[in-house]
Each structure stands twice: as C-alpha cells, then as structure tokens.
Amino acid sequence: MTRETSARVDSGLRWAKSTYSSSSNGNDCVEIAPTPTAIHIRDSKNPGGARLATAPTAWSAFIGFVAQD
C-alpha cells in the first residue's frame, strides 16, 4: 500500500463512490479510482488530501472480507 499527497497530479484518475453511500451528508464517503495496476482511495470530504493506493488483489480481498455477513 502506498500513501500519496495532494501535491501529485491525478493523471486522469476517475473517482467514484459507492452507490451504497446514503448518509445524511453525501460527502461522508470513501472514493476509489481503479487502474489496471492499483486501486486509489481517498476521503470524499478532502479530495486534495492524502490518498492510499493498493494492489487490485488486496482491494478485492478487502471487499470480500467486509461484504461477509
């Protein structure tokens, strides 16, 4: 996993948030920008702030874990 700061240019990343985000404040969410080599993650309340990037396989394992009943 890597951590990026806002000083880096987005390089055309396309950010999206989950359709399950339905809190009273729609900005309280995590956004992701998938690429072939990494899943980029940021806080929607602070899009210019710190970001994380992880391998797609690690992201898939994480999603599988949190989706368990």
PDB file of N, CA and C in Angstrom:
ATOM      1  N   MET A   1       0.854  -1.159   0.000  1.00  0.00           N
ATOM      2  CA  MET A   1       0.000   0.000   0.000  1.00  0.00           C
ATOM      3  C   MET A   1       0.903   1.225   0.000  1.00  0.00           C
ATOM      4  N   THR A   2       0.519   2.231  -0.742  1.00  0.00           N
ATOM      5  CA  THR A   2       1.277   3.479  -0.759  1.00  0.00           C
ATOM      6  C   THR A   2       0.391   4.623  -0.316  1.00  0.00           C
ATOM      7  N   ARG A   3       1.026   5.691   0.119  1.00  0.00           N
ATOM      8  CA  ARG A   3       0.304   6.891   0.531  1.00  0.00           C
ATOM      9  C   ARG A   3       0.768   8.027  -0.357  1.00  0.00           C
ATOM     10  N   GLU A   4      -0.170   8.759  -0.947  1.00  0.00           N
ATOM     11  CA  GLU A   4       0.150   9.869  -1.822  1.00  0.00           C
ATOM     12  C   GLU A   4      -0.377  11.156  -1.211  1.00  0.00           C
ATOM     13  N   THR A   5       0.272  12.266  -1.496  1.00  0.00           N
ATOM     14  CA  THR A   5      -0.214  13.554  -1.020  1.00  0.00           C
ATOM     15  C   THR A   5      -0.843  14.311  -2.167  1.00  0.00           C
ATOM     16  N   SER A   6      -1.528  15.395  -1.845  1.00  0.00           N
ATOM     17  CA  SER A   6      -2.241  16.163  -2.850  1.00  0.00           C
ATOM     18  C   SER A   6      -1.320  16.851  -3.845  1.00  0.00           C
ATOM     19  N   ALA A   7      -0.024  16.899  -3.572  1.00  0.00           N
ATOM     20  CA  ALA A   7       0.901  17.552  -4.489  1.00  0.00           C
ATOM     21  C   ALA A   7       1.005  16.801  -5.809  1.00  0.00           C
ATOM     22  N   ARG A   8       0.623  15.555  -5.813  1.00  0.00           N
ATOM     23  CA  ARG A   8       0.663  14.764  -7.029  1.00  0.00           C
ATOM     24  C   ARG A   8      -0.524  15.057  -7.922  1.00  0.00           C
ATOM     25  N   VAL A   9      -0.307  15.080  -9.194  1.00  0.00           N
ATOM     26  CA  VAL A   9      -1.381  15.304 -10.158  1.00  0.00           C
ATOM     27  C   VAL A   9      -2.190  14.023 -10.311  1.00  0.00           C
ATOM     28  N   ASP A  10      -3.494  14.158 -10.519  1.00  0.00           N
ATOM     29  CA  ASP A  10      -4.362  12.989 -10.633  1.00  0.00           C
ATOM     30  C   ASP A  10      -4.042  12.098 -11.824  1.00  0.00           C
ATOM     31  N   SER A  11      -3.401  12.593 -12.824  1.00  0.00           N
ATOM     32  CA  SER A  11      -3.065  11.805 -14.007  1.00  0.00           C
ATOM     33  C   SER A  11      -4.298  11.181 -14.652  1.00  0.00           C
ATOM     34  N   GLY A  12      -5.408  11.881 -14.607  1.00  0.00           N
ATOM     35  CA  GLY A  12      -6.614  11.394 -15.259  1.00  0.00           C
ATOM     36  C   GLY A  12      -7.382  10.348 -14.488  1.00  0.00           C
ATOM     37  N   LEU A  13      -7.153  10.222 -13.197  1.00  0.00           N
ATOM     38  CA  LEU A  13      -7.900   9.244 -12.410  1.00  0.00           C
ATOM     39  C   LEU A  13      -9.378   9.618 -12.411  1.00  0.00           C
ATOM     40  N   ARG A  14     -10.231   8.610 -12.494  1.00  0.00           N
ATOM     41  CA  ARG A  14     -11.680   8.823 -12.474  1.00  0.00           C
ATOM     42  C   ARG A  14     -12.213   8.297 -11.151  1.00  0.00           C
ATOM     43  N   TRP A  15     -12.583   9.221 -10.284  1.00  0.00           N
ATOM     44  CA  TRP A  15     -13.022   8.877  -8.935  1.00  0.00           C
ATOM     45  C   TRP A  15     -14.502   8.540  -8.906  1.00  0.00           C
ATOM     46  N   ALA A  16     -14.852   7.557  -8.070  1.00  0.00           N
ATOM     47  CA  ALA A  16     -16.256   7.147  -7.908  1.00  0.00           C
ATOM     48  C   ALA A  16     -16.479   6.761  -6.455  1.00  0.00           C
ATOM     49  N   LYS A  17     -17.717   6.950  -6.001  1.00  0.00           N
ATOM     50  CA  LYS A  17     -18.058   6.470  -4.667  1.00  0.00           C
ATOM     51  C   LYS A  17     -19.182   5.456  -4.777  1.00  0.00           C
ATOM     52  N   SER A  18     -19.337   4.676  -3.750  1.00  0.00           N
ATOM     53  CA  SER A  18     -20.307   3.600  -3.742  1.00  0.00           C
ATOM     54  C   SER A  18     -21.733   4.118  -3.859  1.00  0.00           C
ATOM     55  N   THR A  19     -22.550   3.371  -4.567  1.00  0.00           N
ATOM     56  CA  THR A  19     -23.973   3.701  -4.633  1.00  0.00           C
ATOM     57  C   THR A  19     -24.650   3.432  -3.297  1.00  0.00           C
ATOM     58  N   TYR A  20     -23.972   2.733  -2.392  1.00  0.00           N
ATOM     59  CA  TYR A  20     -24.499   2.475  -1.060  1.00  0.00           C
ATOM     60  C   TYR A  20     -24.291   3.658  -0.130  1.00  0.00           C
ATOM     61  N   SER A  21     -23.600   4.687  -0.583  1.00  0.00           N
ATOM     62  CA  SER A  21     -23.366   5.877   0.239  1.00  0.00           C
ATOM     63  C   SER A  21     -24.650   6.686   0.317  1.00  0.00           C
ATOM     64  N   SER A  22     -25.325   6.570   1.431  1.00  0.00           N
ATOM     65  CA  SER A  22     -26.603   7.277   1.561  1.00  0.00           C
ATOM     66  C   SER A  22     -26.736   7.939   2.920  1.00  0.00           C
ATOM     67  N   SER A  23     -25.616   8.403   3.473  1.00  0.00           N
ATOM     68  CA  SER A  23     -25.697   9.078   4.764  1.00  0.00           C
ATOM     69  C   SER A  23     -26.386  10.423   4.590  1.00  0.00           C
ATOM     70  N   SER A  24     -26.686  11.078   5.684  1.00  0.00           N
ATOM     71  CA  SER A  24     -27.335  12.388   5.609  1.00  0.00           C
ATOM     72  C   SER A  24     -26.443  13.400   4.905  1.00  0.00           C
ATOM     73  N   ASN A  25     -25.144  13.170   4.930  1.00  0.00           N
ATOM     74  CA  ASN A  25     -24.208  14.017   4.202  1.00  0.00           C
ATOM     75  C   ASN A  25     -23.546  13.157   3.144  1.00  0.00           C
ATOM     76  N   GLY A  26     -23.915  13.329   1.905  1.00  0.00           N
ATOM     77  CA  GLY A  26     -23.410  12.513   0.809  1.00  0.00           C
ATOM     78  C   GLY A  26     -21.923  12.578   0.601  1.00  0.00           C
ATOM     79  N   ASN A  27     -21.239  13.540   1.247  1.00  0.00           N
ATOM     80  CA  ASN A  27     -19.794  13.639   1.100  1.00  0.00           C
ATOM     81  C   ASN A  27     -19.034  12.792   2.107  1.00  0.00           C
ATOM     82  N   ASP A  28     -19.724  12.168   3.051  1.00  0.00           N
ATOM     83  CA  ASP A  28     -19.066  11.315   4.037  1.00  0.00           C
ATOM     84  C   ASP A  28     -18.855   9.936   3.426  1.00  0.00           C
ATOM     85  N   CYS A  29     -17.836   9.830   2.609  1.00  0.00           N
ATOM     86  CA  CYS A  29     -17.660   8.598   1.867  1.00  0.00           C
ATOM     87  C   CYS A  29     -16.206   8.419   1.463  1.00  0.00           C
ATOM     88  N   VAL A  30     -15.864   7.213   1.148  1.00  0.00           N
ATOM     89  CA  VAL A  30     -14.570   6.897   0.558  1.00  0.00           C
ATOM     90  C   VAL A  30     -14.788   6.796  -0.943  1.00  0.00           C
ATOM     91  N   GLU A  31     -13.870   7.365  -1.708  1.00  0.00           N
ATOM     92  CA  GLU A  31     -13.934   7.267  -3.165  1.00  0.00           C
ATOM     93  C   GLU A  31     -12.759   6.425  -3.654  1.00  0.00           C
ATOM     94  N   ILE A  32     -12.967   5.722  -4.757  1.00  0.00           N
ATOM     95  CA  ILE A  32     -11.885   4.950  -5.349  1.00  0.00           C
ATOM     96  C   ILE A  32     -11.723   5.327  -6.814  1.00  0.00           C
ATOM     97  N   ALA A  33     -10.511   5.132  -7.295  1.00  0.00           N
ATOM     98  CA  ALA A  33     -10.196   5.321  -8.712  1.00  0.00           C
ATOM     99  C   ALA A  33      -9.386   4.097  -9.143  1.00  0.00           C
ATOM    100  N   PRO A  34     -10.049   3.117  -9.748  1.00  0.00           N
ATOM    101  CA  PRO A  34      -9.331   1.909 -10.145  1.00  0.00           C
ATOM    102  C   PRO A  34      -8.513   2.125 -11.423  1.00  0.00           C
ATOM    103  N   THR A  35      -7.342   1.527 -11.448  1.00  0.00           N
ATOM    104  CA  THR A  35      -6.500   1.466 -12.641  1.00  0.00           C
ATOM    105  C   THR A  35      -6.069   0.010 -12.788  1.00  0.00           C
ATOM    106  N   PRO A  36      -5.469  -0.363 -13.883  1.00  0.00           N
ATOM    107  CA  PRO A  36      -5.054  -1.766 -14.033  1.00  0.00           C
ATOM    108  C   PRO A  36      -4.050  -2.237 -12.974  1.00  0.00           C
ATOM    109  N   THR A  37      -3.247  -1.332 -12.441  1.00  0.00           N
ATOM    110  CA  THR A  37      -2.201  -1.742 -11.507  1.00  0.00           C
ATOM    111  C   THR A  37      -2.453  -1.348 -10.056  1.00  0.00           C
ATOM    112  N   ALA A  38      -3.453  -0.517  -9.783  1.00  0.00           N
ATOM    113  CA  ALA A  38      -3.687  -0.061  -8.410  1.00  0.00           C
ATOM    114  C   ALA A  38      -5.122   0.420  -8.233  1.00  0.00           C
ATOM    115  N   ILE A  39      -5.579   0.359  -6.989  1.00  0.00           N
ATOM    116  CA  ILE A  39      -6.843   0.965  -6.599  1.00  0.00           C
ATOM    117  C   ILE A  39      -6.465   2.164  -5.729  1.00  0.00           C
ATOM    118  N   HIS A  40      -6.797   3.360  -6.179  1.00  0.00           N
ATOM    119  CA  HIS A  40      -6.501   4.588  -5.451  1.00  0.00           C
ATOM    120  C   HIS A  40      -7.702   4.917  -4.568  1.00  0.00           C
ATOM    121  N   ILE A  41      -7.446   5.327  -3.327  1.00  0.00           N
ATOM    122  CA  ILE A  41      -8.501   5.542  -2.339  1.00  0.00           C
ATOM    123  C   ILE A  41      -8.306   6.909  -1.706  1.00  0.00           C
ATOM    124  N   ARG A  42      -9.422   7.661  -1.562  1.00  0.00           N
ATOM    125  CA  ARG A  42      -9.350   8.968  -0.906  1.00  0.00           C
ATOM    126  C   ARG A  42     -10.634   9.241  -0.129  1.00  0.00           C
ATOM    127  N   ASP A  43     -10.581  10.212   0.757  1.00  0.00           N
ATOM    128  CA  ASP A  43     -11.722  10.664   1.543  1.00  0.00           C
ATOM    129  C   ASP A  43     -12.471  11.709   0.717  1.00  0.00           C
ATOM    130  N   SER A  44     -13.739  11.508   0.486  1.00  0.00           N
ATOM    131  CA  SER A  44     -14.507  12.441  -0.349  1.00  0.00           C
ATOM    132  C   SER A  44     -14.619  13.826   0.274  1.00  0.00           C
ATOM    133  N   LYS A  45     -14.469  13.925   1.605  1.00  0.00           N
ATOM    134  CA  LYS A  45     -14.526  15.236   2.263  1.00  0.00           C
ATOM    135  C   LYS A  45     -13.254  16.038   2.026  1.00  0.00           C
ATOM    136  N   ASN A  46     -12.174  15.365   1.637  1.00  0.00           N
ATOM    137  CA  ASN A  46     -10.889  16.023   1.452  1.00  0.00           C
ATOM    138  C   ASN A  46     -10.213  15.472   0.192  1.00  0.00           C
ATOM    139  N   PRO A  47     -10.768  15.745  -0.981  1.00  0.00           N
ATOM    140  CA  PRO A  47     -10.236  15.145  -2.208  1.00  0.00           C
ATOM    141  C   PRO A  47      -8.807  15.557  -2.542  1.00  0.00           C
ATOM    142  N   GLY A  48      -8.336  16.669  -2.003  1.00  0.00           N
ATOM    143  CA  GLY A  48      -6.965  17.080  -2.252  1.00  0.00           C
ATOM    144  C   GLY A  48      -5.983  16.587  -1.203  1.00  0.00           C
ATOM    145  N   GLY A  49      -6.478  15.844  -0.239  1.00  0.00           N
ATOM    146  CA  GLY A  49      -5.646  15.373   0.864  1.00  0.00           C
ATOM    147  C   GLY A  49      -4.914  14.084   0.543  1.00  0.00           C
ATOM    148  N   ALA A  50      -4.494  13.422   1.597  1.00  0.00           N
ATOM    149  CA  ALA A  50      -3.736  12.175   1.460  1.00  0.00           C
ATOM    150  C   ALA A  50      -4.579  11.100   0.785  1.00  0.00           C
ATOM    151  N   ARG A  51      -3.896  10.235   0.067  1.00  0.00           N
ATOM    152  CA  ARG A  51      -4.551   9.125  -0.635  1.00  0.00           C
ATOM    153  C   ARG A  51      -3.779   7.849  -0.393  1.00  0.00           C
ATOM    154  N   LEU A  52      -4.464   6.751  -0.554  1.00  0.00           N
ATOM    155  CA  LEU A  52      -3.840   5.440  -0.470  1.00  0.00           C
ATOM    156  C   LEU A  52      -3.953   4.765  -1.831  1.00  0.00           C
ATOM    157  N   ALA A  53      -3.022   3.865  -2.095  1.00  0.00           N
ATOM    158  CA  ALA A  53      -3.115   3.036  -3.292  1.00  0.00           C
ATOM    159  C   ALA A  53      -2.745   1.621  -2.887  1.00  0.00           C
ATOM    160  N   THR A  54      -3.501   0.662  -3.397  1.00  0.00           N
ATOM    161  CA  THR A  54      -3.262  -0.731  -3.065  1.00  0.00           C
ATOM    162  C   THR A  54      -3.388  -1.583  -4.328  1.00  0.00           C
ATOM    163  N   ALA A  55      -2.841  -2.754  -4.278  1.00  0.00           N
ATOM    164  CA  ALA A  55      -2.940  -3.679  -5.416  1.00  0.00           C
ATOM    165  C   ALA A  55      -4.392  -4.112  -5.591  1.00  0.00           C
ATOM    166  N   PRO A  56      -4.823  -4.319  -6.827  1.00  0.00           N
ATOM    167  CA  PRO A  56      -6.208  -4.776  -7.049  1.00  0.00           C
ATOM    168  C   PRO A  56      -6.543  -6.070  -6.299  1.00  0.00           C
ATOM    169  N   THR A  57      -5.585  -6.976  -6.167  1.00  0.00           N
ATOM    170  CA  THR A  57      -5.862  -8.224  -5.443  1.00  0.00           C
ATOM    171  C   THR A  57      -6.116  -7.961  -3.964  1.00  0.00           C
ATOM    172  N   ALA A  58      -5.379  -7.030  -3.367  1.00  0.00           N
ATOM    173  CA  ALA A  58      -5.597  -6.685  -1.960  1.00  0.00           C
ATOM    174  C   ALA A  58      -6.952  -6.013  -1.778  1.00  0.00           C
ATOM    175  N   TRP A  59      -7.334  -5.147  -2.706  1.00  0.00           N
ATOM    176  CA  TRP A  59      -8.636  -4.481  -2.629  1.00  0.00           C
ATOM    177  C   TRP A  59      -9.758  -5.509  -2.743  1.00  0.00           C
ATOM    178  N   SER A  60      -9.613  -6.434  -3.648  1.00  0.00           N
ATOM    179  CA  SER A  60     -10.621  -7.473  -3.824  1.00  0.00           C
ATOM    180  C   SER A  60     -10.780  -8.308  -2.555  1.00  0.00           C
ATOM    181  N   ALA A  61      -9.672  -8.655  -1.921  1.00  0.00           N
ATOM    182  CA  ALA A  61      -9.733  -9.419  -0.672  1.00  0.00           C
ATOM    183  C   ALA A  61     -10.413  -8.599   0.423  1.00  0.00           C
ATOM    184  N   PHE A  62     -10.113  -7.299   0.503  1.00  0.00           N
ATOM    185  CA  PHE A  62     -10.734  -6.423   1.484  1.00  0.00           C
ATOM    186  C   PHE A  62     -12.245  -6.363   1.276  1.00  0.00           C
ATOM    187  N   ILE A  63     -12.677  -6.153   0.034  1.00  0.00           N
ATOM    188  CA  ILE A  63     -14.110  -6.073  -0.270  1.00  0.00           C
ATOM    189  C   ILE A  63     -14.798  -7.395   0.084  1.00  0.00           C
ATOM    190  N   GLY A  64     -14.147  -8.496  -0.228  1.00  0.00           N
ATOM    191  CA  GLY A  64     -14.722  -9.801   0.137  1.00  0.00           C
ATOM    192  C   GLY A  64     -14.880  -9.961   1.633  1.00  0.00           C
ATOM    193  N   PHE A  65     -13.928  -9.452   2.395  1.00  0.00           N
ATOM    194  CA  PHE A  65     -13.995  -9.528   3.851  1.00  0.00           C
ATOM    195  C   PHE A  65     -15.115  -8.679   4.417  1.00  0.00           C
ATOM    196  N   VAL A  66     -15.232  -7.414   3.981  1.00  0.00           N
ATOM    197  CA  VAL A  66     -16.254  -6.532   4.546  1.00  0.00           C
ATOM    198  C   VAL A  66     -17.656  -6.892   4.065  1.00  0.00           C
ATOM    199  N   ALA A  67     -17.760  -7.616   2.971  1.00  0.00           N
ATOM    200  CA  ALA A  67     -19.070  -7.998   2.445  1.00  0.00           C
ATOM    201  C   ALA A  67     -19.655  -9.224   3.153  1.00  0.00           C
ATOM    202  N   GLN A  68     -18.853  -9.878   3.975  1.00  0.00           N
ATOM    203  CA  GLN A  68     -19.344 -11.064   4.691  1.00  0.00           C
ATOM    204  C   GLN A  68     -20.418 -10.668   5.678  1.00  0.00           C
ATOM    205  N   ASP A  69     -21.383 -11.540   5.831  1.00  0.00           N
ATOM    206  CA  ASP A  69     -22.472 -11.295   6.793  1.00  0.00           C
ATOM    207  C   ASP A  69     -22.030 -11.483   8.190  1.00  0.00           C
TER     208      ASP A  69
END
